[in-house]
C-alpha atoms as a PDB file:
ATOM      1  CA  UNK A   1      92.560 169.283 156.388  1.00  0.00           C
ATOM      2  CA  UNK A   2      89.223 169.337 157.325  1.00  0.00           C
ATOM      3  CA  UNK A   3      87.063 170.256 160.320  1.00  0.00           C
ATOM      4  CA  UNK A   4      84.176 168.233 160.918  1.00  0.00           C
ATOM      5  CA  UNK A   5      81.729 167.952 163.445  1.00  0.00           C
ATOM      6  CA  UNK A   6      83.420 164.758 164.576  1.00  0.00           C
ATOM      7  CA  UNK A   7      87.176 166.300 163.889  1.00  0.00           C
ATOM      8  CA  UNK A   8      86.545 169.677 166.087  1.00  0.00           C
ATOM      9  CA  UNK A   9      90.511 170.077 166.237  1.00  0.00           C
ATOM     10  CA  UNK A  10      93.428 170.506 163.788  1.00  0.00           C
ATOM     11  CA  UNK A  11      97.600 171.290 164.469  1.00  0.00           C
ATOM     12  CA  UNK A  12      98.900 173.359 162.217  1.00  0.00           C
ATOM     13  CA  UNK A  13     102.674 175.257 162.036  1.00  0.00           C
ATOM     14  CA  UNK A  14     102.995 178.125 159.635  1.00  0.00           C
ATOM     15  CA  UNK A  15     103.807 176.406 156.599  1.00  0.00           C
ATOM     16  CA  UNK A  16     100.892 174.115 157.136  1.00  0.00           C
ATOM     17  CA  UNK A  17      98.639 177.026 158.144  1.00  0.00           C
ATOM     18  CA  UNK A  18      96.993 177.858 154.650  1.00  0.00           C
ATOM     19  CA  UNK A  19      95.545 174.932 154.253  1.00  0.00           C
ATOM     20  CA  UNK A  20      94.237 175.275 157.827  1.00  0.00           C
ATOM     21  CA  UNK A  21      92.528 178.483 156.673  1.00  0.00           C
ATOM     22  CA  UNK A  22      91.153 176.691 153.951  1.00  0.00           C
ATOM     23  CA  UNK A  23      89.855 174.258 156.069  1.00  0.00           C
ATOM     24  CA  UNK A  24      88.544 177.149 158.243  1.00  0.00           C
ATOM     25  CA  UNK A  25      86.766 178.813 155.742  1.00  0.00           C
ATOM     26  CA  UNK A  26      85.503 175.156 154.266  1.00  0.00           C
ATOM     27  CA  UNK A  27      83.881 174.436 157.754  1.00  0.00           C
ATOM     28  CA  UNK A  28      82.255 177.787 158.252  1.00  0.00           C
ATOM     29  CA  UNK A  29      79.019 178.999 157.095  1.00  0.00           C
ATOM     30  CA  UNK A  30      78.892 182.589 154.993  1.00  0.00           C
ATOM     31  CA  UNK A  31      77.642 184.506 157.408  1.00  0.00           C
ATOM     32  CA  UNK A  32      79.468 183.560 160.739  1.00  0.00           C
ATOM     33  CA  UNK A  33      80.881 185.225 163.939  1.00  0.00           C
ATOM     34  CA  UNK A  34      84.018 183.100 165.193  1.00  0.00           C
ATOM     35  CA  UNK A  35      85.762 184.348 168.647  1.00  0.00           C
ATOM     36  CA  UNK A  36      89.434 183.834 168.026  1.00  0.00           C
ATOM     37  CA  UNK A  37      90.311 182.412 171.692  1.00  0.00           C
ATOM     38  CA  UNK A  38      94.374 182.303 172.970  1.00  0.00           C
ATOM     39  CA  UNK A  39      96.635 183.311 174.761  1.00  0.00           C
ATOM     40  CA  UNK A  40      98.878 186.713 173.887  1.00  0.00           C
ATOM     41  CA  UNK A  41     100.712 185.800 170.749  1.00  0.00           C
ATOM     42  CA  UNK A  42      98.620 182.540 170.338  1.00  0.00           C
ATOM     43  CA  UNK A  43      98.545 183.766 166.591  1.00  0.00           C
ATOM     44  CA  UNK A  44      95.149 184.938 166.041  1.00  0.00           C
ATOM     45  CA  UNK A  45      96.106 187.700 164.000  1.00  0.00           C
ATOM     46  CA  UNK A  46      98.764 185.222 162.311  1.00  0.00           C
ATOM     47  CA  UNK A  47      95.445 182.910 161.269  1.00  0.00           C
ATOM     48  CA  UNK A  48      93.023 186.052 160.110  1.00  0.00           C
ATOM     49  CA  UNK A  49      96.041 186.607 157.801  1.00  0.00           C
ATOM     50  CA  UNK A  50      95.859 183.258 156.563  1.00  0.00           C
ATOM     51  CA  UNK A  51      92.260 183.293 156.318  1.00  0.00           C
ATOM     52  CA  UNK A  52      91.822 186.677 154.308  1.00  0.00           C
ATOM     53  CA  UNK A  53      94.646 185.146 152.088  1.00  0.00           C
ATOM     54  CA  UNK A  54      92.401 181.284 151.604  1.00  0.00           C
ATOM     55  CA  UNK A  55      89.610 184.088 150.714  1.00  0.00           C
ATOM     56  CA  UNK A  56      91.487 185.526 147.621  1.00  0.00           C
ATOM     57  CA  UNK A  57      91.648 188.942 149.527  1.00  0.00           C
ATOM     58  CA  UNK A  58      95.195 191.130 149.142  1.00  0.00           C
ATOM     59  CA  UNK A  59      94.877 193.269 151.989  1.00  0.00           C
ATOM     60  CA  UNK A  60      97.370 194.751 154.442  1.00  0.00           C
ATOM     61  CA  UNK A  61      96.186 192.766 157.880  1.00  0.00           C
ATOM     62  CA  UNK A  62      96.987 193.672 161.178  1.00  0.00           C
ATOM     63  CA  UNK A  63      95.688 193.922 164.067  1.00  0.00           C
ATOM     64  CA  UNK A  64      93.243 196.481 165.295  1.00  0.00           C
ATOM     65  CA  UNK A  65      93.836 196.378 168.945  1.00  0.00           C
ATOM     66  CA  UNK A  66      93.416 200.826 168.545  1.00  0.00           C
ATOM     67  CA  UNK A  67      90.724 200.937 166.169  1.00  0.00           C
ATOM     68  CA  UNK A  68      88.660 198.004 167.266  1.00  0.00           C
ATOM     69  CA  UNK A  69      87.675 197.437 163.674  1.00  0.00           C
ATOM     70  CA  UNK A  70      88.755 196.663 159.961  1.00  0.00           C
ATOM     71  CA  UNK A  71      86.713 195.139 157.265  1.00  0.00           C
ATOM     72  CA  UNK A  72      88.642 194.079 154.373  1.00  0.00           C
ATOM     73  CA  UNK A  73      85.994 194.225 152.397  1.00  0.00           C
ATOM     74  CA  UNK A  74      82.104 194.407 152.967  1.00  0.00           C
ATOM     75  CA  UNK A  75      82.062 191.000 154.031  1.00  0.00           C
ATOM     76  CA  UNK A  76      84.728 190.689 155.451  1.00  0.00           C
ATOM     77  CA  UNK A  77      85.259 191.976 159.178  1.00  0.00           C
ATOM     78  CA  UNK A  78      87.849 191.853 161.824  1.00  0.00           C
ATOM     79  CA  UNK A  79      87.248 193.098 165.797  1.00  0.00           C
ATOM     80  CA  UNK A  80      89.903 192.993 168.493  1.00  0.00           C
ATOM     81  CA  UNK A  81      88.328 193.336 171.713  1.00  0.00           C
ATOM     82  CA  UNK A  82      91.558 193.205 174.379  1.00  0.00           C
ATOM     83  CA  UNK A  83      91.025 196.592 175.430  1.00  0.00           C
ATOM     84  CA  UNK A  84      87.317 196.207 175.783  1.00  0.00           C
ATOM     85  CA  UNK A  85      84.844 193.996 177.573  1.00  0.00           C
ATOM     86  CA  UNK A  86      81.406 192.860 176.122  1.00  0.00           C
ATOM     87  CA  UNK A  87      79.555 195.333 177.472  1.00  0.00           C
ATOM     88  CA  UNK A  88      81.727 198.176 175.763  1.00  0.00           C
ATOM     89  CA  UNK A  89      81.408 196.462 172.535  1.00  0.00           C
ATOM     90  CA  UNK A  90      77.513 196.877 172.616  1.00  0.00           C
ATOM     91  CA  UNK A  91      77.978 200.626 174.157  1.00  0.00           C
ATOM     92  CA  UNK A  92      80.404 201.454 171.107  1.00  0.00           C
ATOM     93  CA  UNK A  93      77.568 199.940 168.466  1.00  0.00           C
ATOM     94  CA  UNK A  94      79.769 197.261 167.745  1.00  0.00           C
ATOM     95  CA  UNK A  95      76.735 194.497 167.477  1.00  0.00           C
ATOM     96  CA  UNK A  96      75.140 196.242 164.981  1.00  0.00           C
ATOM     97  CA  UNK A  97      78.513 195.757 162.749  1.00  0.00           C
ATOM     98  CA  UNK A  98      77.969 192.372 163.677  1.00  0.00           C
ATOM     99  CA  UNK A  99      74.329 192.331 161.434  1.00  0.00           C
ATOM    100  CA  UNK A 100      76.163 192.370 158.511  1.00  0.00           C
ATOM    101  CA  UNK A 101      76.064 189.846 156.255  1.00  0.00           C
ATOM    102  CA  UNK A 102      79.922 188.191 156.358  1.00  0.00           C
ATOM    103  CA  UNK A 103      82.405 186.770 157.871  1.00  0.00           C
ATOM    104  CA  UNK A 104      83.259 188.173 161.517  1.00  0.00           C
ATOM    105  CA  UNK A 105      86.930 187.374 163.028  1.00  0.00           C
ATOM    106  CA  UNK A 106      86.915 188.381 166.662  1.00  0.00           C
ATOM    107  CA  UNK A 107      89.764 188.467 168.502  1.00  0.00           C
ATOM    108  CA  UNK A 108      89.745 188.189 172.223  1.00  0.00           C
ATOM    109  CA  UNK A 109      86.291 187.241 172.250  1.00  0.00           C
ATOM    110  CA  UNK A 110      85.039 185.935 175.833  1.00  0.00           C
ATOM    111  CA  UNK A 111      82.745 183.118 176.581  1.00  0.00           C
ATOM    112  CA  UNK A 112      80.207 186.188 178.114  1.00  0.00           C
ATOM    113  CA  UNK A 113      80.570 188.066 174.678  1.00  0.00           C
ATOM    114  CA  UNK A 114      79.638 184.685 173.038  1.00  0.00           C
ATOM    115  CA  UNK A 115      76.769 184.011 175.943  1.00  0.00           C
ATOM    116  CA  UNK A 116      75.512 187.440 174.841  1.00  0.00           C
ATOM    117  CA  UNK A 117      75.720 187.573 171.004  1.00  0.00           C
ATOM    118  CA  UNK A 118      73.504 183.849 171.383  1.00  0.00           C
ATOM    119  CA  UNK A 119      71.210 185.457 173.782  1.00  0.00           C
ATOM    120  CA  UNK A 120      70.779 187.938 170.642  1.00  0.00           C
ATOM    121  CA  UNK A 121      70.163 185.379 168.556  1.00  0.00           C
ATOM    122  CA  UNK A 122      73.296 185.319 166.625  1.00  0.00           C
ATOM    123  CA  UNK A 123      75.079 181.908 166.188  1.00  0.00           C
ATOM    124  CA  UNK A 124      79.151 181.524 167.428  1.00  0.00           C
ATOM    125  CA  UNK A 125      81.822 179.706 166.782  1.00  0.00           C
ATOM    126  CA  UNK A 126      84.303 179.871 169.413  1.00  0.00           C
ATOM    127  CA  UNK A 127      87.772 178.857 168.175  1.00  0.00           C
ATOM    128  CA  UNK A 128      90.094 177.931 170.852  1.00  0.00           C
ATOM    129  CA  UNK A 129      94.160 178.700 169.520  1.00  0.00           C
ATOM    130  CA  UNK A 130      96.542 176.643 171.992  1.00  0.00           C
ATOM    131  CA  UNK A 131     100.494 176.493 171.139  1.00  0.00           C
ATOM    132  CA  UNK A 132     102.595 173.372 170.944  1.00  0.00           C
ATOM    133  CA  UNK A 133     106.165 174.576 170.109  1.00  0.00           C
ATOM    134  CA  UNK A 134     106.327 175.457 166.775  1.00  0.00           C
ATOM    135  CA  UNK A 135     102.878 174.323 166.036  1.00  0.00           C
ATOM    136  CA  UNK A 136      99.172 175.439 167.372  1.00  0.00           C
ATOM    137  CA  UNK A 137      96.494 173.624 168.100  1.00  0.00           C
ATOM    138  CA  UNK A 138      93.136 175.233 166.831  1.00  0.00           C
ATOM    139  CA  UNK A 139      89.925 173.827 168.015  1.00  0.00           C
ATOM    140  CA  UNK A 140      86.337 174.459 167.768  1.00  0.00           C
ATOM    141  CA  UNK A 141      84.618 174.466 170.627  1.00  0.00           C
ATOM    142  CA  UNK A 142      81.132 173.444 171.611  1.00  0.00           C
END
């Protein structure tokens, strides 16, 4: 599996998710903000678990729904914005967290947040996750 500028969509089931996570890690620069977009139970946290494993990090990955952020290493951060909007995200000081070097995986990152982050000069990737039976489609959006 490989993401590229031409191949921006890949499909995987749970068995092939480790290969997909490796493809995501290979596609992204070392310092990236990735907004994970998809419906409830689309597999956002499951994908984060696979990415953490693909990076060789032994961590107990869970959704930071109530804490808003988990950091698994100094360069791997995981956010869950299900309960807050981009205004509150900024008000809580989480914009400053995104200035840290490394990979920032943001569950429930909205298009409005992507626009705001780009206006601040951040490079933002949006990854849409859609269910297709027992498989998921993972598509990097423009």
